[in-house]
Amino acid sequence: MDNISHIIKVVLEESAHCALDNSRERDYVAQRLTKRLVKSSLVQLAALLGGTVETDEDGAAVIYTDILFGENS
């Protein structure tokens, strides 16, 4: 829970210039929170699998692991 709270706090601090009394600003902050939380979750999943998260040339997140699913595995 501390990690989630920290992420929310950081995004809110970075978004201090936003006036959260209008929907466009709230949507902006919500999108930033979503991206940070999903990224953090993917990093934790990759660590659990013994891998890493990288970004491809299209900006998509890719999890690399040492797990092989070939005929010989």
PDB file of N, CA and C in Angstrom:
ATOM      1  N   MET A   1       0.819  -1.203   0.000  1.00  0.00           N
ATOM      2  CA  MET A   1       0.000   0.000   0.000  1.00  0.00           C
ATOM      3  C   MET A   1       0.856   1.258   0.000  1.00  0.00           C
ATOM      4  N   ASP A   2       2.006   1.200   0.644  1.00  0.00           N
ATOM      5  CA  ASP A   2       2.855   2.382   0.697  1.00  0.00           C
ATOM      6  C   ASP A   2       3.287   2.820  -0.690  1.00  0.00           C
ATOM      7  N   ASN A   3       3.563   1.841  -1.571  1.00  0.00           N
ATOM      8  CA  ASN A   3       3.981   2.157  -2.923  1.00  0.00           C
ATOM      9  C   ASN A   3       2.861   2.876  -3.681  1.00  0.00           C
ATOM     10  N   ILE A   4       1.642   2.407  -3.539  1.00  0.00           N
ATOM     11  CA  ILE A   4       0.502   3.039  -4.206  1.00  0.00           C
ATOM     12  C   ILE A   4       0.314   4.457  -3.675  1.00  0.00           C
ATOM     13  N   SER A   5       0.369   4.611  -2.366  1.00  0.00           N
ATOM     14  CA  SER A   5       0.228   5.941  -1.770  1.00  0.00           C
ATOM     15  C   SER A   5       1.321   6.882  -2.254  1.00  0.00           C
ATOM     16  N   HIS A   6       2.537   6.354  -2.347  1.00  0.00           N
ATOM     17  CA  HIS A   6       3.657   7.172  -2.825  1.00  0.00           C
ATOM     18  C   HIS A   6       3.432   7.611  -4.271  1.00  0.00           C
ATOM     19  N   ILE A   7       2.986   6.701  -5.118  1.00  0.00           N
ATOM     20  CA  ILE A   7       2.730   7.040  -6.522  1.00  0.00           C
ATOM     21  C   ILE A   7       1.660   8.119  -6.622  1.00  0.00           C
ATOM     22  N   ILE A   8       0.577   7.960  -5.874  1.00  0.00           N
ATOM     23  CA  ILE A   8      -0.500   8.955  -5.906  1.00  0.00           C
ATOM     24  C   ILE A   8       0.017  10.312  -5.431  1.00  0.00           C
ATOM     25  N   LYS A   9       0.779  10.317  -4.359  1.00  0.00           N
ATOM     26  CA  LYS A   9       1.322  11.567  -3.820  1.00  0.00           C
ATOM     27  C   LYS A   9       2.224  12.246  -4.852  1.00  0.00           C
ATOM     28  N   VAL A  10       3.113  11.487  -5.481  1.00  0.00           N
ATOM     29  CA  VAL A  10       4.029  12.060  -6.467  1.00  0.00           C
ATOM     30  C   VAL A  10       3.260  12.660  -7.647  1.00  0.00           C
ATOM     31  N   VAL A  11       2.284  11.922  -8.163  1.00  0.00           N
ATOM     32  CA  VAL A  11       1.516  12.431  -9.306  1.00  0.00           C
ATOM     33  C   VAL A  11       0.737  13.681  -8.912  1.00  0.00           C
ATOM     34  N   LEU A  12       0.164  13.691  -7.722  1.00  0.00           N
ATOM     35  CA  LEU A  12      -0.569  14.883  -7.288  1.00  0.00           C
ATOM     36  C   LEU A  12       0.367  16.078  -7.113  1.00  0.00           C
ATOM     37  N   GLU A  13       1.573  15.813  -6.578  1.00  0.00           N
ATOM     38  CA  GLU A  13       2.541  16.899  -6.431  1.00  0.00           C
ATOM     39  C   GLU A  13       2.987  17.421  -7.803  1.00  0.00           C
ATOM     40  N   GLU A  14       3.198  16.514  -8.746  1.00  0.00           N
ATOM     41  CA  GLU A  14       3.587  16.931 -10.094  1.00  0.00           C
ATOM     42  C   GLU A  14       2.455  17.649 -10.822  1.00  0.00           C
ATOM     43  N   SER A  15       1.233  17.421 -10.371  1.00  0.00           N
ATOM     44  CA  SER A  15       0.065  18.020 -11.008  1.00  0.00           C
ATOM     45  C   SER A  15      -0.502  19.169 -10.184  1.00  0.00           C
ATOM     46  N   ALA A  16       0.309  19.750  -9.321  1.00  0.00           N
ATOM     47  CA  ALA A  16      -0.160  20.809  -8.429  1.00  0.00           C
ATOM     48  C   ALA A  16      -0.703  22.009  -9.199  1.00  0.00           C
ATOM     49  N   HIS A  17      -0.246  22.167 -10.434  1.00  0.00           N
ATOM     50  CA  HIS A  17      -0.709  23.288 -11.256  1.00  0.00           C
ATOM     51  C   HIS A  17      -2.136  23.088 -11.766  1.00  0.00           C
ATOM     52  N   CYS A  18      -2.662  21.879 -11.627  1.00  0.00           N
ATOM     53  CA  CYS A  18      -4.008  21.576 -12.124  1.00  0.00           C
ATOM     54  C   CYS A  18      -5.071  22.070 -11.149  1.00  0.00           C
ATOM     55  N   ALA A  19      -6.147  22.561 -11.723  1.00  0.00           N
ATOM     56  CA  ALA A  19      -7.312  22.929 -10.914  1.00  0.00           C
ATOM     57  C   ALA A  19      -8.279  21.754 -10.997  1.00  0.00           C
ATOM     58  N   LEU A  20      -8.379  21.002  -9.934  1.00  0.00           N
ATOM     59  CA  LEU A  20      -9.164  19.776  -9.975  1.00  0.00           C
ATOM     60  C   LEU A  20     -10.662  20.010  -9.868  1.00  0.00           C
ATOM     61  N   ASP A  21     -11.072  21.258 -10.049  1.00  0.00           N
ATOM     62  CA  ASP A  21     -12.501  21.553 -10.006  1.00  0.00           C
ATOM     63  C   ASP A  21     -13.138  21.491 -11.387  1.00  0.00           C
ATOM     64  N   ASN A  22     -12.381  21.064 -12.417  1.00  0.00           N
ATOM     65  CA  ASN A  22     -12.998  20.859 -13.725  1.00  0.00           C
ATOM     66  C   ASN A  22     -12.634  19.473 -14.249  1.00  0.00           C
ATOM     67  N   SER A  23     -13.504  18.934 -15.067  1.00  0.00           N
ATOM     68  CA  SER A  23     -13.364  17.530 -15.470  1.00  0.00           C
ATOM     69  C   SER A  23     -12.132  17.281 -16.342  1.00  0.00           C
ATOM     70  N   ARG A  24     -11.720  18.238 -17.141  1.00  0.00           N
ATOM     71  CA  ARG A  24     -10.561  18.031 -18.002  1.00  0.00           C
ATOM     72  C   ARG A  24      -9.294  17.841 -17.158  1.00  0.00           C
ATOM     73  N   GLU A  25      -9.132  18.644 -16.133  1.00  0.00           N
ATOM     74  CA  GLU A  25      -7.970  18.524 -15.255  1.00  0.00           C
ATOM     75  C   GLU A  25      -8.027  17.225 -14.441  1.00  0.00           C
ATOM     76  N   ARG A  26      -9.209  16.857 -13.975  1.00  0.00           N
ATOM     77  CA  ARG A  26      -9.347  15.599 -13.239  1.00  0.00           C
ATOM     78  C   ARG A  26      -9.021  14.418 -14.144  1.00  0.00           C
ATOM     79  N   ASP A  27      -9.481  14.463 -15.398  1.00  0.00           N
ATOM     80  CA  ASP A  27      -9.174  13.402 -16.357  1.00  0.00           C
ATOM     81  C   ASP A  27      -7.671  13.306 -16.604  1.00  0.00           C
ATOM     82  N   TYR A  28      -7.005  14.452 -16.706  1.00  0.00           N
ATOM     83  CA  TYR A  28      -5.553  14.490 -16.919  1.00  0.00           C
ATOM     84  C   TYR A  28      -4.826  13.813 -15.765  1.00  0.00           C
ATOM     85  N   VAL A  29      -5.183  14.169 -14.538  1.00  0.00           N
ATOM     86  CA  VAL A  29      -4.543  13.594 -13.364  1.00  0.00           C
ATOM     87  C   VAL A  29      -4.865  12.100 -13.274  1.00  0.00           C
ATOM     88  N   ALA A  30      -6.090  11.715 -13.561  1.00  0.00           N
ATOM     89  CA  ALA A  30      -6.482  10.306 -13.515  1.00  0.00           C
ATOM     90  C   ALA A  30      -5.684   9.489 -14.538  1.00  0.00           C
ATOM     91  N   GLN A  31      -5.475  10.031 -15.716  1.00  0.00           N
ATOM     92  CA  GLN A  31      -4.694   9.328 -16.741  1.00  0.00           C
ATOM     93  C   GLN A  31      -3.245   9.160 -16.305  1.00  0.00           C
ATOM     94  N   ARG A  32      -2.676  10.191 -15.714  1.00  0.00           N
ATOM     95  CA  ARG A  32      -1.294  10.096 -15.227  1.00  0.00           C
ATOM     96  C   ARG A  32      -1.183   9.065 -14.106  1.00  0.00           C
ATOM     97  N   LEU A  33      -2.153   9.059 -13.201  1.00  0.00           N
ATOM     98  CA  LEU A  33      -2.149   8.064 -12.124  1.00  0.00           C
ATOM     99  C   LEU A  33      -2.265   6.655 -12.690  1.00  0.00           C
ATOM    100  N   THR A  34      -3.148   6.478 -13.647  1.00  0.00           N
ATOM    101  CA  THR A  34      -3.340   5.167 -14.260  1.00  0.00           C
ATOM    102  C   THR A  34      -2.046   4.667 -14.887  1.00  0.00           C
ATOM    103  N   LYS A  35      -1.376   5.512 -15.656  1.00  0.00           N
ATOM    104  CA  LYS A  35      -0.127   5.109 -16.308  1.00  0.00           C
ATOM    105  C   LYS A  35       0.927   4.731 -15.285  1.00  0.00           C
ATOM    106  N   ARG A  36       1.065   5.531 -14.236  1.00  0.00           N
ATOM    107  CA  ARG A  36       2.082   5.246 -13.205  1.00  0.00           C
ATOM    108  C   ARG A  36       1.777   3.943 -12.467  1.00  0.00           C
ATOM    109  N   LEU A  37       0.504   3.727 -12.115  1.00  0.00           N
ATOM    110  CA  LEU A  37       0.135   2.523 -11.378  1.00  0.00           C
ATOM    111  C   LEU A  37       0.291   1.272 -12.233  1.00  0.00           C
ATOM    112  N   VAL A  38      -0.091   1.352 -13.507  1.00  0.00           N
ATOM    113  CA  VAL A  38       0.068   0.204 -14.403  1.00  0.00           C
ATOM    114  C   VAL A  38       1.544  -0.095 -14.613  1.00  0.00           C
ATOM    115  N   LYS A  39       2.347   0.940 -14.819  1.00  0.00           N
ATOM    116  CA  LYS A  39       3.784   0.729 -15.003  1.00  0.00           C
ATOM    117  C   LYS A  39       4.395   0.078 -13.769  1.00  0.00           C
ATOM    118  N   SER A  40       4.033   0.557 -12.598  1.00  0.00           N
ATOM    119  CA  SER A  40       4.550  -0.010 -11.364  1.00  0.00           C
ATOM    120  C   SER A  40       4.138  -1.474 -11.225  1.00  0.00           C
ATOM    121  N   SER A  41       2.903  -1.790 -11.581  1.00  0.00           N
ATOM    122  CA  SER A  41       2.421  -3.170 -11.521  1.00  0.00           C
ATOM    123  C   SER A  41       3.190  -4.068 -12.485  1.00  0.00           C
ATOM    124  N   LEU A  42       3.462  -3.570 -13.687  1.00  0.00           N
ATOM    125  CA  LEU A  42       4.213  -4.354 -14.664  1.00  0.00           C
ATOM    126  C   LEU A  42       5.647  -4.596 -14.203  1.00  0.00           C
ATOM    127  N   VAL A  43       6.247  -3.596 -13.591  1.00  0.00           N
ATOM    128  CA  VAL A  43       7.614  -3.752 -13.075  1.00  0.00           C
ATOM    129  C   VAL A  43       7.633  -4.812 -11.965  1.00  0.00           C
ATOM    130  N   GLN A  44       6.629  -4.791 -11.093  1.00  0.00           N
ATOM    131  CA  GLN A  44       6.553  -5.789 -10.024  1.00  0.00           C
ATOM    132  C   GLN A  44       6.335  -7.187 -10.600  1.00  0.00           C
ATOM    133  N   LEU A  45       5.475  -7.310 -11.611  1.00  0.00           N
ATOM    134  CA  LEU A  45       5.237  -8.598 -12.250  1.00  0.00           C
ATOM    135  C   LEU A  45       6.508  -9.111 -12.911  1.00  0.00           C
ATOM    136  N   ALA A  46       7.203  -8.242 -13.627  1.00  0.00           N
ATOM    137  CA  ALA A  46       8.448  -8.639 -14.280  1.00  0.00           C
ATOM    138  C   ALA A  46       9.470  -9.105 -13.252  1.00  0.00           C
ATOM    139  N   ALA A  47       9.570  -8.417 -12.135  1.00  0.00           N
ATOM    140  CA  ALA A  47      10.509  -8.813 -11.076  1.00  0.00           C
ATOM    141  C   ALA A  47      10.139 -10.185 -10.518  1.00  0.00           C
ATOM    142  N   LEU A  48       8.856 -10.429 -10.360  1.00  0.00           N
ATOM    143  CA  LEU A  48       8.388 -11.721  -9.872  1.00  0.00           C
ATOM    144  C   LEU A  48       8.763 -12.840 -10.843  1.00  0.00           C
ATOM    145  N   LEU A  49       8.727 -12.534 -12.141  1.00  0.00           N
ATOM    146  CA  LEU A  49       9.063 -13.517 -13.169  1.00  0.00           C
ATOM    147  C   LEU A  49      10.556 -13.565 -13.468  1.00  0.00           C
ATOM    148  N   GLY A  50      11.322 -12.716 -12.790  1.00  0.00           N
ATOM    149  CA  GLY A  50      12.759 -12.675 -13.026  1.00  0.00           C
ATOM    150  C   GLY A  50      13.116 -11.974 -14.319  1.00  0.00           C
ATOM    151  N   GLY A  51      12.313 -11.017 -14.711  1.00  0.00           N
ATOM    152  CA  GLY A  51      12.535 -10.314 -15.974  1.00  0.00           C
ATOM    153  C   GLY A  51      12.605  -8.817 -15.819  1.00  0.00           C
ATOM    154  N   THR A  52      12.450  -8.149 -16.929  1.00  0.00           N
ATOM    155  CA  THR A  52      12.495  -6.687 -16.967  1.00  0.00           C
ATOM    156  C   THR A  52      11.365  -6.156 -17.837  1.00  0.00           C
ATOM    157  N   VAL A  53      11.040  -4.900 -17.636  1.00  0.00           N
ATOM    158  CA  VAL A  53      10.071  -4.209 -18.481  1.00  0.00           C
ATOM    159  C   VAL A  53      10.839  -3.213 -19.324  1.00  0.00           C
ATOM    160  N   GLU A  54      10.604  -3.258 -20.620  1.00  0.00           N
ATOM    161  CA  GLU A  54      11.215  -2.308 -21.535  1.00  0.00           C
ATOM    162  C   GLU A  54      10.138  -1.744 -22.442  1.00  0.00           C
ATOM    163  N   THR A  55      10.463  -0.660 -23.109  1.00  0.00           N
ATOM    164  CA  THR A  55       9.527  -0.020 -24.024  1.00  0.00           C
ATOM    165  C   THR A  55      10.004  -0.253 -25.445  1.00  0.00           C
ATOM    166  N   ASP A  56       9.087  -0.711 -26.307  1.00  0.00           N
ATOM    167  CA  ASP A  56       9.476  -0.921 -27.702  1.00  0.00           C
ATOM    168  C   ASP A  56       9.393   0.387 -28.471  1.00  0.00           C
ATOM    169  N   GLU A  57       9.692   0.332 -29.762  1.00  0.00           N
ATOM    170  CA  GLU A  57       9.741   1.566 -30.559  1.00  0.00           C
ATOM    171  C   GLU A  57       8.382   2.236 -30.726  1.00  0.00           C
ATOM    172  N   ASP A  58       7.307   1.490 -30.466  1.00  0.00           N
ATOM    173  CA  ASP A  58       5.961   2.072 -30.534  1.00  0.00           C
ATOM    174  C   ASP A  58       5.495   2.636 -29.195  1.00  0.00           C
ATOM    175  N   GLY A  59       6.327   2.476 -28.161  1.00  0.00           N
ATOM    176  CA  GLY A  59       5.967   2.964 -26.838  1.00  0.00           C
ATOM    177  C   GLY A  59       5.222   1.950 -25.992  1.00  0.00           C
ATOM    178  N   ALA A  60       5.079   0.719 -26.501  1.00  0.00           N
ATOM    179  CA  ALA A  60       4.375  -0.323 -25.751  1.00  0.00           C
ATOM    180  C   ALA A  60       5.321  -0.973 -24.745  1.00  0.00           C
ATOM    181  N   ALA A  61       4.771  -1.356 -23.609  1.00  0.00           N
ATOM    182  CA  ALA A  61       5.561  -2.040 -22.584  1.00  0.00           C
ATOM    183  C   ALA A  61       5.704  -3.512 -22.974  1.00  0.00           C
ATOM    184  N   VAL A  62       6.922  -4.019 -22.835  1.00  0.00           N
ATOM    185  CA  VAL A  62       7.219  -5.418 -23.133  1.00  0.00           C
ATOM    186  C   VAL A  62       7.933  -6.001 -21.918  1.00  0.00           C
ATOM    187  N   ILE A  63       7.449  -7.149 -21.448  1.00  0.00           N
ATOM    188  CA  ILE A  63       8.102  -7.825 -20.332  1.00  0.00           C
ATOM    189  C   ILE A  63       8.982  -8.926 -20.908  1.00  0.00           C
ATOM    190  N   TYR A  64      10.271  -8.839 -20.609  1.00  0.00           N
ATOM    191  CA  TYR A  64      11.227  -9.865 -21.022  1.00  0.00           C
ATOM    192  C   TYR A  64      11.548 -10.745 -19.830  1.00  0.00           C
ATOM    193  N   THR A  65      11.494 -12.071 -20.051  1.00  0.00           N
ATOM    194  CA  THR A  65      11.845 -13.028 -19.009  1.00  0.00           C
ATOM    195  C   THR A  65      12.812 -14.055 -19.586  1.00  0.00           C
ATOM    196  N   ASP A  66      13.331 -14.889 -18.722  1.00  0.00           N
ATOM    197  CA  ASP A  66      14.186 -15.994 -19.151  1.00  0.00           C
ATOM    198  C   ASP A  66      13.383 -17.278 -19.337  1.00  0.00           C
ATOM    199  N   ILE A  67      12.072 -17.168 -19.281  1.00  0.00           N
ATOM    200  CA  ILE A  67      11.213 -18.339 -19.428  1.00  0.00           C
ATOM    201  C   ILE A  67      11.085 -18.667 -20.915  1.00  0.00           C
ATOM    202  N   LEU A  68      11.343 -19.930 -21.257  1.00  0.00           N
ATOM    203  CA  LEU A  68      11.264 -20.379 -22.649  1.00  0.00           C
ATOM    204  C   LEU A  68      10.110 -21.351 -22.803  1.00  0.00           C
ATOM    205  N   PHE A  69       9.355 -21.205 -23.864  1.00  0.00           N
ATOM    206  CA  PHE A  69       8.229 -22.094 -24.171  1.00  0.00           C
ATOM    207  C   PHE A  69       8.463 -22.793 -25.503  1.00  0.00           C
ATOM    208  N   GLY A  70       9.603 -23.420 -25.661  1.00  0.00           N
ATOM    209  CA  GLY A  70       9.919 -24.127 -26.886  1.00  0.00           C
ATOM    210  C   GLY A  70       9.637 -25.605 -26.745  1.00  0.00           C
ATOM    211  N   GLU A  71       9.897 -26.348 -27.810  1.00  0.00           N
ATOM    212  CA  GLU A  71       9.670 -27.791 -27.795  1.00  0.00           C
ATOM    213  C   GLU A  71      10.570 -28.493 -26.798  1.00  0.00           C
ATOM    214  N   ASN A  72      11.768 -27.950 -26.544  1.00  0.00           N
ATOM    215  CA  ASN A  72      12.735 -28.593 -25.677  1.00  0.00           C
ATOM    216  C   ASN A  72      12.651 -28.132 -24.224  1.00  0.00           C
ATOM    217  N   SER A  73      11.670 -27.318 -23.882  1.00  0.00           N
ATOM    218  CA  SER A  73      11.606 -26.818 -22.507  1.00  0.00           C
ATOM    219  C   SER A  73      10.585 -27.560 -21.690  1.00  0.00           C
TER     220      SER A  73
END
